[in-house]
C-alpha atoms as a PDB file:
ATOM      1  CA  MET A   1      24.385 -16.748  -9.561  1.00  0.00           C
ATOM      2  CA  GLN A   2      24.153 -18.025  -6.006  1.00  0.00           C
ATOM      3  CA  GLY A   3      20.812 -17.333  -4.376  1.00  0.00           C
ATOM      4  CA  LEU A   4      19.102 -18.378  -1.197  1.00  0.00           C
ATOM      5  CA  GLN A   5      18.818 -22.056  -0.515  1.00  0.00           C
ATOM      6  CA  SER A   6      15.916 -23.897   1.111  1.00  0.00           C
ATOM      7  CA  GLY A   7      16.434 -24.305   4.852  1.00  0.00           C
ATOM      8  CA  GLU A   8      18.610 -21.194   5.174  1.00  0.00           C
ATOM      9  CA  THR A   9      17.834 -18.288   7.404  1.00  0.00           C
ATOM     10  CA  PHE A  10      15.974 -15.696   5.382  1.00  0.00           C
ATOM     11  CA  PRO A  11      17.697 -12.309   5.350  1.00  0.00           C
ATOM     12  CA  LYS A  12      15.681  -9.634   7.110  1.00  0.00           C
ATOM     13  CA  LEU A  13      15.413  -6.745   4.684  1.00  0.00           C
ATOM     14  CA  GLU A  14      13.854  -3.328   5.520  1.00  0.00           C
ATOM     15  CA  ILE A  15      11.767  -2.055   2.564  1.00  0.00           C
ATOM     16  CA  PRO A  16       9.703   1.176   2.418  1.00  0.00           C
ATOM     17  CA  LYS A  17       6.012   0.327   2.902  1.00  0.00           C
ATOM     18  CA  LEU A  18       3.197   1.867   0.897  1.00  0.00           C
ATOM     19  CA  GLY A  19       1.174   3.987   3.331  1.00  0.00           C
ATOM     20  CA  GLY A  20       4.255   4.945   5.393  1.00  0.00           C
ATOM     21  CA  GLY A  21       6.973   3.368   7.424  1.00  0.00           C
ATOM     22  CA  THR A  22       8.828   0.219   6.526  1.00  0.00           C
ATOM     23  CA  MET A  23       8.213  -3.491   6.427  1.00  0.00           C
ATOM     24  CA  THR A  24      10.727  -6.191   7.231  1.00  0.00           C
ATOM     25  CA  LEU A  25      10.797  -9.065   4.749  1.00  0.00           C
ATOM     26  CA  GLY A  26      11.068 -12.228   6.827  1.00  0.00           C
ATOM     27  CA  GLU A  27       9.114 -10.962   9.809  1.00  0.00           C
ATOM     28  CA  PRO A  28       5.412 -12.026   9.596  1.00  0.00           C
ATOM     29  CA  GLY A  29       2.717  -9.625  10.605  1.00  0.00           C
ATOM     30  CA  GLY A  30      -0.985  -9.710  11.352  1.00  0.00           C
ATOM     31  CA  GLY A  31      -0.575 -12.241  14.118  1.00  0.00           C
ATOM     32  CA  ARG A  32       0.610 -14.907  11.670  1.00  0.00           C
ATOM     33  CA  ASP A  33       3.720 -16.990  12.236  1.00  0.00           C
ATOM     34  CA  TRP A  34       4.795 -17.570   8.567  1.00  0.00           C
ATOM     35  CA  GLN A  35       5.377 -15.088   5.809  1.00  0.00           C
ATOM     36  CA  MET A  36       5.158 -15.291   2.037  1.00  0.00           C
ATOM     37  CA  VAL A  37       7.098 -12.631   0.156  1.00  0.00           C
ATOM     38  CA  VAL A  38       6.100 -12.220  -3.480  1.00  0.00           C
ATOM     39  CA  VAL A  39       8.508 -10.199  -5.604  1.00  0.00           C
ATOM     40  CA  TYR A  40       6.847  -8.720  -8.698  1.00  0.00           C
ATOM     41  CA  ARG A  41       8.409  -6.968 -11.654  1.00  0.00           C
ATOM     42  CA  GLY A  42       6.454  -3.680 -11.483  1.00  0.00           C
ATOM     43  CA  LEU A  43       3.575  -1.645 -12.737  1.00  0.00           C
ATOM     44  CA  HIS A  44       4.748  -2.072 -16.323  1.00  0.00           C
ATOM     45  CA  CYS A  45       4.060  -5.851 -16.244  1.00  0.00           C
ATOM     46  CA  PRO A  46       0.585  -7.027 -17.350  1.00  0.00           C
ATOM     47  CA  LEU A  47       1.292 -10.573 -16.105  1.00  0.00           C
ATOM     48  CA  CYS A  48       2.082  -9.190 -12.623  1.00  0.00           C
ATOM     49  CA  LYS A  49      -1.287  -7.436 -12.566  1.00  0.00           C
ATOM     50  CA  LYS A  50      -3.037 -10.711 -13.339  1.00  0.00           C
ATOM     51  CA  TYR A  51      -0.893 -12.597 -10.780  1.00  0.00           C
ATOM     52  CA  LEU A  52      -1.373 -10.020  -8.021  1.00  0.00           C
ATOM     53  CA  THR A  53      -5.155  -9.937  -8.664  1.00  0.00           C
ATOM     54  CA  ARG A  54      -5.345 -13.693  -8.083  1.00  0.00           C
ATOM     55  CA  LEU A  55      -3.084 -13.388  -5.038  1.00  0.00           C
ATOM     56  CA  GLU A  56      -5.444 -10.765  -3.560  1.00  0.00           C
ATOM     57  CA  GLU A  57      -8.394 -13.179  -4.135  1.00  0.00           C
ATOM     58  CA  LEU A  58      -6.539 -16.033  -2.410  1.00  0.00           C
ATOM     59  CA  GLN A  59      -5.133 -13.909   0.447  1.00  0.00           C
ATOM     60  CA  PRO A  60      -7.796 -15.206   2.955  1.00  0.00           C
ATOM     61  CA  ARG A  61      -6.788 -18.787   2.246  1.00  0.00           C
ATOM     62  CA  PHE A  62      -3.115 -18.007   3.014  1.00  0.00           C
ATOM     63  CA  HIS A  63      -4.177 -16.107   6.140  1.00  0.00           C
ATOM     64  CA  ASP A  64      -6.257 -19.144   7.264  1.00  0.00           C
ATOM     65  CA  ALA A  65      -2.990 -21.151   7.082  1.00  0.00           C
ATOM     66  CA  SER A  66      -1.366 -18.444   9.225  1.00  0.00           C
ATOM     67  CA  VAL A  67       0.746 -17.200   6.319  1.00  0.00           C
ATOM     68  CA  ASP A  68       1.239 -13.415   6.119  1.00  0.00           C
ATOM     69  CA  VAL A  69       1.356 -12.235   2.468  1.00  0.00           C
ATOM     70  CA  VAL A  70       3.418  -9.274   1.385  1.00  0.00           C
ATOM     71  CA  ILE A  71       4.413  -8.055  -2.071  1.00  0.00           C
ATOM     72  CA  VAL A  72       7.461  -6.051  -3.061  1.00  0.00           C
ATOM     73  CA  SER A  73       9.032  -4.502  -6.180  1.00  0.00           C
ATOM     74  CA  GLY A  74      11.674  -2.059  -7.224  1.00  0.00           C
ATOM     75  CA  ASP A  75       9.072   0.405  -8.381  1.00  0.00           C
ATOM     76  CA  PRO A  76       9.095   3.891  -6.818  1.00  0.00           C
ATOM     77  CA  GLU A  77       6.246   4.780  -4.446  1.00  0.00           C
ATOM     78  CA  GLU A  78       4.013   6.434  -7.073  1.00  0.00           C
ATOM     79  CA  LYS A  79       4.039   3.273  -9.271  1.00  0.00           C
ATOM     80  CA  ALA A  80       3.417   0.991  -6.302  1.00  0.00           C
ATOM     81  CA  ARG A  81       0.497   3.169  -5.330  1.00  0.00           C
ATOM     82  CA  ALA A  82      -0.881   3.039  -8.890  1.00  0.00           C
ATOM     83  CA  MET A  83      -0.627  -0.813  -8.829  1.00  0.00           C
ATOM     84  CA  ALA A  84      -2.442  -0.957  -5.478  1.00  0.00           C
ATOM     85  CA  ASP A  85      -5.145   1.492  -6.599  1.00  0.00           C
ATOM     86  CA  ASP A  86      -5.637  -0.080 -10.064  1.00  0.00           C
ATOM     87  CA  LEU A  87      -6.050  -3.578  -8.632  1.00  0.00           C
ATOM     88  CA  GLY A  88      -7.647  -2.771  -5.255  1.00  0.00           C
ATOM     89  CA  LEU A  89      -4.843  -4.493  -3.394  1.00  0.00           C
ATOM     90  CA  THR A  90      -5.118  -4.752   0.409  1.00  0.00           C
ATOM     91  CA  MET A  91      -1.959  -6.790   1.215  1.00  0.00           C
ATOM     92  CA  PRO A  92       1.124  -4.905   2.507  1.00  0.00           C
ATOM     93  CA  ILE A  93       3.144  -3.507  -0.418  1.00  0.00           C
ATOM     94  CA  GLY A  94       6.860  -2.769  -0.304  1.00  0.00           C
ATOM     95  CA  TYR A  95       8.448  -0.582  -2.919  1.00  0.00           C
ATOM     96  CA  GLY A  96      11.793   0.822  -3.907  1.00  0.00           C
ATOM     97  CA  MET A  97      13.691  -2.475  -3.451  1.00  0.00           C
ATOM     98  CA  ARG A  98      17.343  -1.729  -4.170  1.00  0.00           C
ATOM     99  CA  ILE A  99      19.643  -3.802  -6.377  1.00  0.00           C
ATOM    100  CA  ASP A 100      21.622  -5.019  -3.348  1.00  0.00           C
ATOM    101  CA  GLN A 101      18.379  -6.239  -1.747  1.00  0.00           C
ATOM    102  CA  MET A 102      17.393  -8.000  -4.953  1.00  0.00           C
ATOM    103  CA  ARG A 103      20.755  -9.678  -4.995  1.00  0.00           C
ATOM    104  CA  ALA A 104      20.391 -10.722  -1.319  1.00  0.00           C
ATOM    105  CA  LEU A 105      17.209 -12.606  -2.318  1.00  0.00           C
ATOM    106  CA  GLY A 106      18.864 -14.115  -5.366  1.00  0.00           C
ATOM    107  CA  VAL A 107      16.192 -12.894  -7.758  1.00  0.00           C
ATOM    108  CA  TYR A 108      17.029 -12.282 -11.384  1.00  0.00           C
ATOM    109  CA  ILE A 109      17.410  -8.601 -12.324  1.00  0.00           C
ATOM    110  CA  SER A 110      16.537  -7.252 -15.750  1.00  0.00           C
ATOM    111  CA  ASP A 111      17.502  -4.123 -17.533  1.00  0.00           C
ATOM    112  CA  LEU A 112      14.769  -2.119 -19.151  1.00  0.00           C
ATOM    113  CA  ARG A 113      14.106  -2.463 -22.853  1.00  0.00           C
ATOM    114  CA  GLY A 114      12.926   1.087 -23.127  1.00  0.00           C
ATOM    115  CA  PRO A 115      10.423   3.550 -21.713  1.00  0.00           C
ATOM    116  CA  GLN A 116       7.501   1.181 -22.402  1.00  0.00           C
ATOM    117  CA  GLU A 117       8.755  -0.847 -19.414  1.00  0.00           C
ATOM    118  CA  THR A 118      10.197   1.289 -16.687  1.00  0.00           C
ATOM    119  CA  ASP A 119      13.073   3.618 -15.899  1.00  0.00           C
ATOM    120  CA  ARG A 120      15.353   1.342 -13.859  1.00  0.00           C
ATOM    121  CA  PRO A 121      16.548  -2.249 -13.518  1.00  0.00           C
ATOM    122  CA  PHE A 122      13.855  -4.401 -11.954  1.00  0.00           C
ATOM    123  CA  PRO A 123      13.475  -7.795 -10.282  1.00  0.00           C
ATOM    124  CA  GLU A 124      12.010 -10.773 -12.045  1.00  0.00           C
ATOM    125  CA  PRO A 125       9.391 -12.831 -10.116  1.00  0.00           C
ATOM    126  CA  GLY A 126      10.173 -14.580  -6.896  1.00  0.00           C
ATOM    127  CA  VAL A 127       8.173 -16.284  -4.192  1.00  0.00           C
ATOM    128  CA  PHE A 128       9.701 -16.953  -0.743  1.00  0.00           C
ATOM    129  CA  VAL A 129       7.899 -18.627   2.123  1.00  0.00           C
ATOM    130  CA  ILE A 130       9.526 -18.186   5.515  1.00  0.00           C
ATOM    131  CA  ASN A 131       8.503 -20.406   8.410  1.00  0.00           C
ATOM    132  CA  GLU A 132       8.135 -19.554  12.130  1.00  0.00           C
ATOM    133  CA  LYS A 133      11.855 -20.215  12.710  1.00  0.00           C
ATOM    134  CA  GLY A 134      12.845 -17.632  10.088  1.00  0.00           C
ATOM    135  CA  LEU A 135      13.976 -20.387   7.707  1.00  0.00           C
ATOM    136  CA  LEU A 136      13.221 -20.449   3.956  1.00  0.00           C
ATOM    137  CA  HIS A 137      10.720 -23.235   3.710  1.00  0.00           C
ATOM    138  CA  LEU A 138       9.800 -22.822   0.067  1.00  0.00           C
ATOM    139  CA  LEU A 139      11.115 -20.712  -2.823  1.00  0.00           C
ATOM    140  CA  ASP A 140      10.576 -20.191  -6.496  1.00  0.00           C
ATOM    141  CA  ILE A 141      12.385 -17.708  -8.684  1.00  0.00           C
ATOM    142  CA  SER A 142      12.114 -17.068 -12.395  1.00  0.00           C
ATOM    143  CA  ASN A 143      14.169 -15.148 -14.906  1.00  0.00           C
ATOM    144  CA  ALA A 144      11.068 -14.057 -16.885  1.00  0.00           C
ATOM    145  CA  PRO A 145       7.440 -13.156 -16.164  1.00  0.00           C
ATOM    146  CA  PHE A 146       6.044 -16.316 -17.818  1.00  0.00           C
ATOM    147  CA  ALA A 147       7.128 -18.886 -15.222  1.00  0.00           C
ATOM    148  CA  ARG A 148       5.598 -18.466 -11.748  1.00  0.00           C
ATOM    149  CA  PRO A 149       4.041 -20.885  -9.274  1.00  0.00           C
ATOM    150  CA  ASP A 150       0.332 -21.488  -9.623  1.00  0.00           C
ATOM    151  CA  LEU A 151      -1.217 -19.642  -6.666  1.00  0.00           C
ATOM    152  CA  ASP A 152      -4.048 -22.086  -6.150  1.00  0.00           C
ATOM    153  CA  ALA A 153      -1.593 -24.981  -5.975  1.00  0.00           C
ATOM    154  CA  LEU A 154       0.664 -22.957  -3.707  1.00  0.00           C
ATOM    155  CA  ALA A 155      -2.241 -22.236  -1.281  1.00  0.00           C
ATOM    156  CA  GLY A 156      -3.103 -25.901  -1.228  1.00  0.00           C
ATOM    157  CA  GLY A 157       0.520 -26.841  -0.743  1.00  0.00           C
ATOM    158  CA  LEU A 158       0.947 -24.504   2.200  1.00  0.00           C
ATOM    159  CA  GLU A 159      -2.254 -25.786   3.769  1.00  0.00           C
ATOM    160  CA  PHE A 160      -0.797 -29.323   3.495  1.00  0.00           C
ATOM    161  CA  ILE A 161       2.629 -28.258   4.779  1.00  0.00           C
ATOM    162  CA  ARG A 162       1.106 -26.469   7.789  1.00  0.00           C
ATOM    163  CA  GLY A 163      -1.423 -29.208   8.514  1.00  0.00           C
ATOM    164  CA  ASN A 164       1.040 -32.116   8.280  1.00  0.00           C
ATOM    165  CA  ASP A 165       4.307 -30.663   9.645  1.00  0.00           C
ATOM    166  CA  TYR A 166       5.764 -31.243   6.216  1.00  0.00           C
ATOM    167  CA  PRO A 167       9.588 -30.688   6.295  1.00  0.00           C
ATOM    168  CA  ILE A 168      11.678 -28.291   4.289  1.00  0.00           C
ATOM    169  CA  ARG A 169      12.580 -30.028   0.993  1.00  0.00           C
ATOM    170  CA  GLY A 170      15.671 -29.678  -1.197  1.00  0.00           C
ATOM    171  CA  THR A 171      18.262 -29.429   1.541  1.00  0.00           C
ATOM    172  CA  HIS A 172      20.570 -32.327   0.486  1.00  0.00           C
ATOM    173  CA  ALA A 173      24.172 -31.170   0.512  1.00  0.00           C
ATOM    174  CA  ALA A 174      26.063 -32.606  -2.456  1.00  0.00           C
END
């Protein structure tokens, strides 16, 4: 599996946005110049609910570092709305991510184990931070819900990166 590499141009993907219209992954909003895209598994995932709750709490810290925060999943609109309503989420939420879009990001894709999960293949977690040049400054992908970056550490890391002009890491070509 070949996914995105640090330092590459992040692909601009149009995703339906909860509340109407679309969002473009890789294009920051809210007057911010960086964007963090958090891919979550879906409404069926209790670990996603915990993670997104903490992300909502930390959203002001990311915004203070001029990082726009958006979340996206393969869930249909009604499940994305249920997630937003259940957790009181205020960040922009994309839904209905297609398999080809999941592949473009290089996230792992899982098949459902049965109706207790969902009714379609879904993405495993991914975090992508795109800088003001549209380059992938930081990324983390996982093949299971149990391994994700600590959001408090990520917020602190982005504050350091932004405050110290810290370069993109992991770009050595073999």
